[in-house]
C-alpha atoms as a PDB file:
ATOM      1  CA  MET A   1      63.019  40.304  80.250  1.00  0.00           C
ATOM      2  CA  MET A   2      63.295  43.782  78.874  1.00  0.00           C
ATOM      3  CA  SER A   3      65.564  44.073  75.415  1.00  0.00           C
ATOM      4  CA  LYS A   4      68.608  46.478  75.790  1.00  0.00           C
ATOM      5  CA  ASP A   5      66.465  48.849  73.394  1.00  0.00           C
ATOM      6  CA  TRP A   6      62.854  49.048  74.749  1.00  0.00           C
ATOM      7  CA  PHE A   7      64.875  50.080  78.070  1.00  0.00           C
ATOM      8  CA  ASP A   8      67.131  52.976  76.102  1.00  0.00           C
ATOM      9  CA  PHE A   9      63.427  53.795  74.534  1.00  0.00           C
ATOM     10  CA  GLN A  10      62.046  54.207  77.866  1.00  0.00           C
ATOM     11  CA  GLU A  11      64.982  55.998  79.116  1.00  0.00           C
ATOM     12  CA  LYS A  12      65.074  58.387  76.445  1.00  0.00           C
ATOM     13  CA  ILE A  13      61.346  58.810  77.479  1.00  0.00           C
ATOM     14  CA  ALA A  14      62.496  59.402  80.993  1.00  0.00           C
ATOM     15  CA  GLN A  15      64.962  61.811  80.236  1.00  0.00           C
ATOM     16  CA  HIS A  16      63.024  64.171  78.000  1.00  0.00           C
ATOM     17  CA  PHE A  17      60.807  64.902  81.202  1.00  0.00           C
ATOM     18  CA  ARG A  18      63.833  65.411  83.446  1.00  0.00           C
ATOM     19  CA  CYS A  19      65.046  68.014  81.125  1.00  0.00           C
ATOM     20  CA  LEU A  20      61.524  69.704  81.550  1.00  0.00           C
ATOM     21  CA  GLY A  21      62.038  70.280  85.540  1.00  0.00           C
ATOM     22  CA  VAL A  22      59.833  67.349  86.504  1.00  0.00           C
ATOM     23  CA  SER A  23      60.107  63.838  88.173  1.00  0.00           C
ATOM     24  CA  ALA A  24      60.422  60.943  86.023  1.00  0.00           C
ATOM     25  CA  VAL A  25      61.011  57.732  87.030  1.00  0.00           C
ATOM     26  CA  THR A  26      61.460  54.455  84.945  1.00  0.00           C
ATOM     27  CA  ASN A  27      59.633  50.835  85.974  1.00  0.00           C
ATOM     28  CA  GLU A  28      58.124  52.205  89.315  1.00  0.00           C
ATOM     29  CA  THR A  29      55.527  50.353  91.305  1.00  0.00           C
ATOM     30  CA  VAL A  30      52.363  52.910  91.573  1.00  0.00           C
ATOM     31  CA  ARG A  31      50.182  51.971  94.737  1.00  0.00           C
ATOM     32  CA  GLY A  32      46.435  52.298  93.061  1.00  0.00           C
ATOM     33  CA  ILE A  33      43.133  52.321  94.735  1.00  0.00           C
ATOM     34  CA  ARG A  34      42.537  48.216  93.895  1.00  0.00           C
ATOM     35  CA  THR A  35      45.958  47.049  93.485  1.00  0.00           C
ATOM     36  CA  ASP A  36      49.289  48.157  92.445  1.00  0.00           C
ATOM     37  CA  HIS A  37      50.370  49.084  88.908  1.00  0.00           C
ATOM     38  CA  GLU A  38      54.292  48.714  87.506  1.00  0.00           C
ATOM     39  CA  ILE A  39      54.657  51.961  85.367  1.00  0.00           C
ATOM     40  CA  ASP A  40      57.130  52.244  83.165  1.00  0.00           C
ATOM     41  CA  VAL A  41      57.559  55.803  82.874  1.00  0.00           C
ATOM     42  CA  TYR A  42      55.861  57.555  85.841  1.00  0.00           C
ATOM     43  CA  VAL A  43      55.916  61.438  85.978  1.00  0.00           C
ATOM     44  CA  THR A  44      55.327  63.792  88.788  1.00  0.00           C
ATOM     45  CA  SER A  45      56.159  67.483  89.873  1.00  0.00           C
ATOM     46  CA  GLN A  46      55.263  70.131  92.147  1.00  0.00           C
ATOM     47  CA  TYR A  47      55.958  73.390  90.558  1.00  0.00           C
ATOM     48  CA  LEU A  48      54.419  76.290  92.722  1.00  0.00           C
ATOM     49  CA  CYS A  49      51.929  74.357  93.488  1.00  0.00           C
ATOM     50  CA  THR A  50      51.142  72.855  90.310  1.00  0.00           C
ATOM     51  CA  ASN A  51      51.053  69.113  90.612  1.00  0.00           C
ATOM     52  CA  ILE A  52      51.072  66.448  87.906  1.00  0.00           C
ATOM     53  CA  LYS A  53      51.203  62.836  88.064  1.00  0.00           C
ATOM     54  CA  TRP A  54      51.477  61.345  84.605  1.00  0.00           C
ATOM     55  CA  ILE A  55      51.553  57.548  83.736  1.00  0.00           C
ATOM     56  CA  VAL A  56      53.384  56.781  80.499  1.00  0.00           C
ATOM     57  CA  GLU A  57      53.899  53.474  78.704  1.00  0.00           C
ATOM     58  CA  ALA A  58      56.431  52.872  76.061  1.00  0.00           C
ATOM     59  CA  LYS A  59      55.930  50.645  73.959  1.00  0.00           C
ATOM     60  CA  TYR A  60      58.461  49.319  71.705  1.00  0.00           C
ATOM     61  CA  TRP A  61      56.673  47.204  69.735  1.00  0.00           C
ATOM     62  CA  LYS A  62      57.261  46.340  65.344  1.00  0.00           C
ATOM     63  CA  THR A  63      53.187  46.577  65.484  1.00  0.00           C
ATOM     64  CA  LYS A  64      50.336  49.196  65.696  1.00  0.00           C
ATOM     65  CA  VAL A  65      49.111  49.448  69.889  1.00  0.00           C
ATOM     66  CA  PRO A  66      45.747  47.845  69.606  1.00  0.00           C
ATOM     67  CA  LYS A  67      42.293  49.150  71.237  1.00  0.00           C
ATOM     68  CA  GLU A  68      42.873  46.699  74.489  1.00  0.00           C
ATOM     69  CA  LYS A  69      46.194  49.133  75.495  1.00  0.00           C
ATOM     70  CA  VAL A  70      44.273  51.659  75.854  1.00  0.00           C
ATOM     71  CA  LEU A  71      41.338  50.813  77.387  1.00  0.00           C
ATOM     72  CA  ALA A  72      43.893  48.901  79.960  1.00  0.00           C
ATOM     73  CA  LEU A  73      45.580  52.322  80.584  1.00  0.00           C
ATOM     74  CA  ARG A  74      42.235  54.067  81.182  1.00  0.00           C
ATOM     75  CA  THR A  75      41.820  51.619  84.069  1.00  0.00           C
ATOM     76  CA  ILE A  76      44.976  52.289  85.279  1.00  0.00           C
ATOM     77  CA  VAL A  77      44.794  56.316  85.356  1.00  0.00           C
ATOM     78  CA  ASP A  78      41.889  56.183  87.062  1.00  0.00           C
ATOM     79  CA  ASP A  79      42.886  53.467  89.544  1.00  0.00           C
ATOM     80  CA  VAL A  80      45.767  55.369  90.565  1.00  0.00           C
ATOM     81  CA  GLY A  81      44.205  58.991  90.260  1.00  0.00           C
ATOM     82  CA  ALA A  82      46.641  59.889  87.484  1.00  0.00           C
ATOM     83  CA  ASP A  83      46.030  63.169  85.664  1.00  0.00           C
ATOM     84  CA  LYS A  84      46.955  62.032  82.073  1.00  0.00           C
ATOM     85  CA  GLY A  85      48.127  58.849  80.535  1.00  0.00           C
ATOM     86  CA  PHE A  86      50.563  58.629  77.584  1.00  0.00           C
ATOM     87  CA  ILE A  87      51.043  55.708  75.281  1.00  0.00           C
ATOM     88  CA  ILE A  88      54.444  56.417  73.092  1.00  0.00           C
ATOM     89  CA  SER A  89      54.418  53.798  70.273  1.00  0.00           C
ATOM     90  CA  GLU A  90      57.431  53.634  67.822  1.00  0.00           C
ATOM     91  CA  ALA A  91      54.951  51.928  65.132  1.00  0.00           C
ATOM     92  CA  GLY A  92      51.989  53.817  65.795  1.00  0.00           C
ATOM     93  CA  PHE A  93      48.215  52.777  66.802  1.00  0.00           C
ATOM     94  CA  GLN A  94      45.838  51.075  65.888  1.00  0.00           C
ATOM     95  CA  SER A  95      42.047  52.843  64.471  1.00  0.00           C
ATOM     96  CA  GLY A  96      40.057  51.702  67.169  1.00  0.00           C
ATOM     97  CA  SER A  97      42.933  52.620  69.382  1.00  0.00           C
ATOM     98  CA  LYS A  98      42.444  56.065  68.342  1.00  0.00           C
ATOM     99  CA  GLU A  99      38.601  56.113  69.061  1.00  0.00           C
ATOM    100  CA  ALA A 100      39.308  54.512  72.877  1.00  0.00           C
ATOM    101  CA  ALA A 101      41.415  57.826  73.494  1.00  0.00           C
ATOM    102  CA  GLN A 102      38.916  60.473  71.887  1.00  0.00           C
ATOM    103  CA  ASN A 103      37.458  62.715  74.463  1.00  0.00           C
ATOM    104  CA  THR A 104      39.531  61.048  77.851  1.00  0.00           C
ATOM    105  CA  ASN A 105      42.577  61.883  79.420  1.00  0.00           C
ATOM    106  CA  ILE A 106      44.771  59.122  77.291  1.00  0.00           C
ATOM    107  CA  VAL A 107      46.951  60.394  74.727  1.00  0.00           C
ATOM    108  CA  LEU A 108      48.463  58.542  71.834  1.00  0.00           C
ATOM    109  CA  LEU A 109      52.048  59.652  70.528  1.00  0.00           C
ATOM    110  CA  THR A 110      54.908  59.143  69.173  1.00  0.00           C
ATOM    111  CA  PHE A 111      58.503  59.749  70.456  1.00  0.00           C
ATOM    112  CA  ASP A 112      58.497  63.045  68.720  1.00  0.00           C
ATOM    113  CA  GLU A 113      54.933  64.098  69.070  1.00  0.00           C
ATOM    114  CA  LEU A 114      55.481  63.821  72.750  1.00  0.00           C
ATOM    115  CA  VAL A 115      59.060  66.038  72.792  1.00  0.00           C
ATOM    116  CA  LEU A 116      56.444  68.775  71.194  1.00  0.00           C
ATOM    117  CA  SER A 117      53.447  68.133  72.955  1.00  0.00           C
ATOM    118  CA  SER A 118      54.603  67.371  76.576  1.00  0.00           C
ATOM    119  CA  THR A 119      56.743  70.326  76.396  1.00  0.00           C
ATOM    120  CA  ASN A 120      54.045  72.737  75.697  1.00  0.00           C
ATOM    121  CA  MET A 121      51.927  71.035  78.222  1.00  0.00           C
ATOM    122  CA  ILE A 122      54.220  71.494  80.920  1.00  0.00           C
ATOM    123  CA  GLN A 123      55.398  75.312  80.089  1.00  0.00           C
ATOM    124  CA  SER A 124      51.488  76.033  79.846  1.00  0.00           C
ATOM    125  CA  LEU A 125      50.981  74.494  83.744  1.00  0.00           C
ATOM    126  CA  ILE A 126      54.569  76.410  84.964  1.00  0.00           C
ATOM    127  CA  LEU A 127      52.883  79.567  83.134  1.00  0.00           C
ATOM    128  CA  GLU A 128      49.534  79.342  84.660  1.00  0.00           C
ATOM    129  CA  SER A 129      51.403  79.080  88.244  1.00  0.00           C
ATOM    130  CA  PHE A 130      53.145  82.278  87.195  1.00  0.00           C
ATOM    131  CA  SER A 131      49.442  83.471  86.505  1.00  0.00           C
ATOM    132  CA  ARG A 132      47.379  83.018  89.573  1.00  0.00           C
ATOM    133  CA  ARG A 133      50.813  84.437  91.432  1.00  0.00           C
ATOM    134  CA  ILE A 134      50.343  87.815  89.921  1.00  0.00           C
ATOM    135  CA  ARG A 135      46.502  87.735  89.904  1.00  0.00           C
ATOM    136  CA  PHE A 136      47.104  87.284  94.164  1.00  0.00           C
ATOM    137  CA  LEU A 137      49.735  90.232  94.395  1.00  0.00           C
ATOM    138  CA  GLU A 138      47.759  92.147  92.279  1.00  0.00           C
ATOM    139  CA  ASN A 139      44.751  91.436  94.448  1.00  0.00           C
ATOM    140  CA  LYS A 140      46.738  92.633  97.549  1.00  0.00           C
ATOM    141  CA  TYR A 141      48.329  95.588  95.455  1.00  0.00           C
ATOM    142  CA  TYR A 142      44.688  97.036  94.820  1.00  0.00           C
ATOM    143  CA  ALA A 143      43.204  96.485  97.956  1.00  0.00           C
ATOM    144  CA  HIS A 144      44.693  99.869  98.883  1.00  0.00           C
ATOM    145  CA  GLU A 145      43.484 102.618  97.999  1.00  0.00           C
ATOM    146  CA  LYS A 146      45.272 104.746  95.159  1.00  0.00           C
ATOM    147  CA  ASN A 147      46.709 107.666  97.408  1.00  0.00           C
ATOM    148  CA  VAL A 148      47.988 104.862  99.839  1.00  0.00           C
ATOM    149  CA  ARG A 149      50.071 103.335  97.518  1.00  0.00           C
ATOM    150  CA  VAL A 150      51.057 106.310  96.618  1.00  0.00           C
ATOM    151  CA  LYS A 151      52.481 107.027  99.943  1.00  0.00           C
ATOM    152  CA  TYR A 152      53.951 103.855 100.420  1.00  0.00           C
ATOM    153  CA  GLY A 153      55.913 103.901  97.569  1.00  0.00           C
ATOM    154  CA  LEU A 154      53.985 101.168  95.822  1.00  0.00           C
ATOM    155  CA  ARG A 155      53.301 103.756  92.579  1.00  0.00           C
ATOM    156  CA  ASN A 156      54.382 107.405  91.752  1.00  0.00           C
ATOM    157  CA  ASP A 157      51.741 109.776  91.670  1.00  0.00           C
ATOM    158  CA  PHE A 158      49.621 111.070  88.532  1.00  0.00           C
ATOM    159  CA  LEU A 159      52.080 112.904  85.976  1.00  0.00           C
ATOM    160  CA  GLU A 160      54.758 112.282  88.318  1.00  0.00           C
ATOM    161  CA  TYR A 161      58.167 111.778  85.854  1.00  0.00           C
ATOM    162  CA  PRO A 162      60.320 109.789  86.239  1.00  0.00           C
ATOM    163  CA  ILE A 163      58.665 106.815  87.235  1.00  0.00           C
ATOM    164  CA  SER A 164      60.901 105.428  90.382  1.00  0.00           C
ATOM    165  CA  PHE A 165      58.675 102.185  90.923  1.00  0.00           C
ATOM    166  CA  SER A 166      54.951 101.568  89.838  1.00  0.00           C
ATOM    167  CA  GLY A 167      53.030  98.080  90.957  1.00  0.00           C
ATOM    168  CA  ASN A 168      50.312  99.096  88.127  1.00  0.00           C
ATOM    169  CA  LEU A 169      53.215  98.935  85.583  1.00  0.00           C
ATOM    170  CA  LEU A 170      54.913  95.947  86.621  1.00  0.00           C
ATOM    171  CA  ILE A 171      51.440  94.356  87.051  1.00  0.00           C
ATOM    172  CA  PHE A 172      50.654  94.948  83.311  1.00  0.00           C
ATOM    173  CA  LEU A 173      54.732  93.509  82.184  1.00  0.00           C
ATOM    174  CA  ILE A 174      54.333  90.312  83.959  1.00  0.00           C
ATOM    175  CA  TYR A 175      50.799  89.533  82.455  1.00  0.00           C
ATOM    176  CA  ASP A 176      52.171  91.030  78.940  1.00  0.00           C
ATOM    177  CA  SER A 177      55.275  88.461  79.011  1.00  0.00           C
ATOM    178  CA  ILE A 178      53.504  85.644  80.164  1.00  0.00           C
ATOM    179  CA  ALA A 179      50.841  86.039  77.428  1.00  0.00           C
ATOM    180  CA  ALA A 180      53.491  86.677  74.892  1.00  0.00           C
ATOM    181  CA  ALA A 181      55.517  83.186  75.969  1.00  0.00           C
ATOM    182  CA  ILE A 182      52.219  81.434  75.270  1.00  0.00           C
ATOM    183  CA  ARG A 183      52.237  82.668  71.937  1.00  0.00           C
ATOM    184  CA  GLY A 184      56.103  81.648  71.601  1.00  0.00           C
ATOM    185  CA  GLU A 185      56.760  84.891  70.637  1.00  0.00           C
ATOM    186  CA  TYR A 186      60.838  84.878  71.968  1.00  0.00           C
ATOM    187  CA  PRO A 187      62.836  87.118  72.571  1.00  0.00           C
ATOM    188  CA  ILE A 188      60.382  88.883  75.240  1.00  0.00           C
ATOM    189  CA  THR A 189      61.699  92.632  76.225  1.00  0.00           C
ATOM    190  CA  PHE A 190      61.210  94.010  79.522  1.00  0.00           C
ATOM    191  CA  ASP A 191      60.418  97.851  79.421  1.00  0.00           C
ATOM    192  CA  ASN A 192      58.691  99.126  82.491  1.00  0.00           C
ATOM    193  CA  TYR A 193      59.524 102.564  82.143  1.00  0.00           C
ATOM    194  CA  MET A 194      60.624 102.430  85.763  1.00  0.00           C
ATOM    195  CA  LEU A 195      63.897 103.722  87.000  1.00  0.00           C
ATOM    196  CA  GLU A 196      63.741 100.700  89.564  1.00  0.00           C
ATOM    197  CA  LYS A 197      64.291  97.494  87.982  1.00  0.00           C
ATOM    198  CA  VAL A 198      65.280  93.668  88.785  1.00  0.00           C
ATOM    199  CA  GLY A 199      66.536  91.313  86.220  1.00  0.00           C
ATOM    200  CA  VAL A 200      68.038  91.198  82.476  1.00  0.00           C
ATOM    201  CA  ASN A 201      65.919  93.418  80.010  1.00  0.00           C
ATOM    202  CA  LYS A 202      64.843  90.870  77.375  1.00  0.00           C
ATOM    203  CA  ALA A 203      64.305  86.507  77.528  1.00  0.00           C
ATOM    204  CA  ASP A 204      65.456  84.915  74.704  1.00  0.00           C
ATOM    205  CA  ASN A 205      64.024  81.396  75.831  1.00  0.00           C
ATOM    206  CA  PHE A 206      61.460  80.391  78.352  1.00  0.00           C
ATOM    207  CA  LEU A 207      64.079  79.493  81.053  1.00  0.00           C
ATOM    208  CA  GLU A 208      65.493  82.998  81.416  1.00  0.00           C
ATOM    209  CA  LEU A 209      61.642  84.138  81.317  1.00  0.00           C
ATOM    210  CA  ILE A 210      60.517  81.794  84.195  1.00  0.00           C
ATOM    211  CA  ASN A 211      64.178  83.569  85.981  1.00  0.00           C
ATOM    212  CA  TRP A 212      62.833  86.844  85.229  1.00  0.00           C
ATOM    213  CA  LEU A 213      59.483  86.276  86.515  1.00  0.00           C
ATOM    214  CA  ASN A 214      60.665  84.786  89.796  1.00  0.00           C
ATOM    215  CA  LEU A 215      62.440  87.707  90.449  1.00  0.00           C
ATOM    216  CA  ASN A 216      60.091  90.268  90.105  1.00  0.00           C
ATOM    217  CA  LEU A 217      57.612  88.310  91.388  1.00  0.00           C
ATOM    218  CA  ASN A 218      59.386  88.016  94.598  1.00  0.00           C
ATOM    219  CA  TRP A 219      60.750  91.774  94.197  1.00  0.00           C
ATOM    220  CA  PHE A 220      56.927  92.813  94.238  1.00  0.00           C
ATOM    221  CA  ASP A 221      56.002  90.787  96.940  1.00  0.00           C
ATOM    222  CA  GLU A 222      58.725  92.204  99.009  1.00  0.00           C
ATOM    223  CA  LYS A 223      57.692  96.019  97.918  1.00  0.00           C
ATOM    224  CA  ILE A 224      54.003  95.226  99.321  1.00  0.00           C
ATOM    225  CA  TYR A 225      55.103  93.727 102.391  1.00  0.00           C
ATOM    226  CA  PHE A 226      57.488  96.101 103.404  1.00  0.00           C
ATOM    227  CA  ALA A 227      55.048  98.725 102.722  1.00  0.00           C
ATOM    228  CA  GLU A 228      51.933  96.906 104.340  1.00  0.00           C
ATOM    229  CA  ALA A 229      54.752  96.883 107.511  1.00  0.00           C
ATOM    230  CA  GLU A 230      55.076 100.380 107.767  1.00  0.00           C
ATOM    231  CA  MET A 231      51.270 100.989 107.113  1.00  0.00           C
ATOM    232  CA  HIS A 232      50.605  99.466 110.052  1.00  0.00           C
ATOM    233  CA  LEU A 233      53.037 101.389 111.946  1.00  0.00           C
ATOM    234  CA  ASN A 234      51.356 104.544 110.805  1.00  0.00           C
ATOM    235  CA  SER A 235      48.117 103.019 111.516  1.00  0.00           C
ATOM    236  CA  ASP A 236      47.117 103.380 107.670  1.00  0.00           C
ATOM    237  CA  TYR A 237      46.848  99.544 106.608  1.00  0.00           C
ATOM    238  CA  ARG A 238      43.107  99.085 105.898  1.00  0.00           C
ATOM    239  CA  PRO A 239      42.546  97.060 102.684  1.00  0.00           C
ATOM    240  CA  ASP A 240      39.820  96.290 100.941  1.00  0.00           C
ATOM    241  CA  PHE A 241      39.756  92.949 100.282  1.00  0.00           C
ATOM    242  CA  HIS A 242      38.041  90.579  97.627  1.00  0.00           C
ATOM    243  CA  LYS A 243      37.484  87.485  97.534  1.00  0.00           C
ATOM    244  CA  ILE A 244      39.560  85.934  94.287  1.00  0.00           C
ATOM    245  CA  ASP A 245      39.869  82.890  92.590  1.00  0.00           C
ATOM    246  CA  THR A 246      43.382  82.458  91.249  1.00  0.00           C
ATOM    247  CA  HIS A 247      42.235  80.277  88.494  1.00  0.00           C
ATOM    248  CA  LYS A 248      40.452  82.830  86.674  1.00  0.00           C
ATOM    249  CA  LYS A 249      41.855  85.879  84.556  1.00  0.00           C
ATOM    250  CA  SER A 250      41.846  88.954  86.261  1.00  0.00           C
ATOM    251  CA  TRP A 251      40.552  92.304  84.246  1.00  0.00           C
ATOM    252  CA  TYR A 252      44.394  93.128  83.082  1.00  0.00           C
ATOM    253  CA  GLU A 253      44.731  89.954  81.361  1.00  0.00           C
ATOM    254  CA  ILE A 254      41.000  90.187  79.648  1.00  0.00           C
ATOM    255  CA  SER A 255      41.554  93.835  78.766  1.00  0.00           C
ATOM    256  CA  LEU A 256      45.335  93.803  77.940  1.00  0.00           C
ATOM    257  CA  ASP A 257      46.423  92.451  74.627  1.00  0.00           C
ATOM    258  CA  LEU A 258      49.000  93.908  73.014  1.00  0.00           C
ATOM    259  CA  LYS A 259      49.792  91.541  70.243  1.00  0.00           C
ATOM    260  CA  GLU A 260      48.814  93.910  67.408  1.00  0.00           C
ATOM    261  CA  LYS A 261      49.905  97.366  69.133  1.00  0.00           C
ATOM    262  CA  SER A 262      52.808  99.404  68.026  1.00  0.00           C
ATOM    263  CA  GLU A 263      55.555 100.684  70.268  1.00  0.00           C
ATOM    264  CA  LEU A 264      53.554 104.117  70.648  1.00  0.00           C
ATOM    265  CA  GLU A 265      50.419 102.124  71.473  1.00  0.00           C
ATOM    266  CA  LYS A 266      52.064 100.247  74.106  1.00  0.00           C
ATOM    267  CA  LYS A 267      53.742 103.278  75.355  1.00  0.00           C
ATOM    268  CA  MET A 268      50.520 105.329  75.585  1.00  0.00           C
ATOM    269  CA  LEU A 269      48.502 102.555  77.106  1.00  0.00           C
ATOM    270  CA  LEU A 270      50.898 102.130  79.799  1.00  0.00           C
ATOM    271  CA  GLN A 271      51.019 105.305  80.819  1.00  0.00           C
ATOM    272  CA  ALA A 272      46.742 105.115  81.004  1.00  0.00           C
ATOM    273  CA  ILE A 273      47.437 102.261  83.177  1.00  0.00           C
ATOM    274  CA  ASP A 274      49.747 104.127  85.266  1.00  0.00           C
ATOM    275  CA  ASN A 275      46.880 106.682  86.123  1.00  0.00           C
ATOM    276  CA  PHE A 276      44.769 103.369  88.395  1.00  0.00           C
END
């Protein structure tokens, strides 16, 4: 029978994952290819098309976890098709356990280590899903020739000021904001130099950034949709689409790293981007 301390330990682990915005169920029976498995904490999520399936074993023991438990978890993870398996131990791990987990999808952690590493893992997955989304919209945006984008309000003409709206600048700003979040550089300011904008001017934390990204990606998607609808009506819809792998970085991401640039350099770079 599970002790209250062990039960509380499982619930503490599950609650941590729930606070990160994913589903965490304790004492779950999960069907594998060969058999059913009793899982201490079963973590799942489908966030912006990013799926995770994690199995967590809570070892509220007074002794270190042996190698055999790691090997057993590897078998379970493989059988149920999980992405990762975690063993969370209060007492730590034997040296053989750590060796058995090397170069595998099994992670051995204390609870404090779990809090830090899982937060980073999930936030990275979420940010990558936003990166994939803007890569897709970037491809749609640049499928139209520059003069068409100008005509239908998706950007200003070259050297036309003030700038009402520029998809170029918004794409750049979204990529730059995601990069800043990956580096953990909060607060993140949203200086887009455009008259039109949605959302707040800065994000002090991850949740505020996610809200801003959702608002601006939806706004950008809507802008493109209505512009393309008008193009159809005027027989101007002639996009040049290219096959895109949204898992790969775009040239924006590769070329635009503003981490070491001054505010003046950023502004000059934004002006250069605006010419595309």
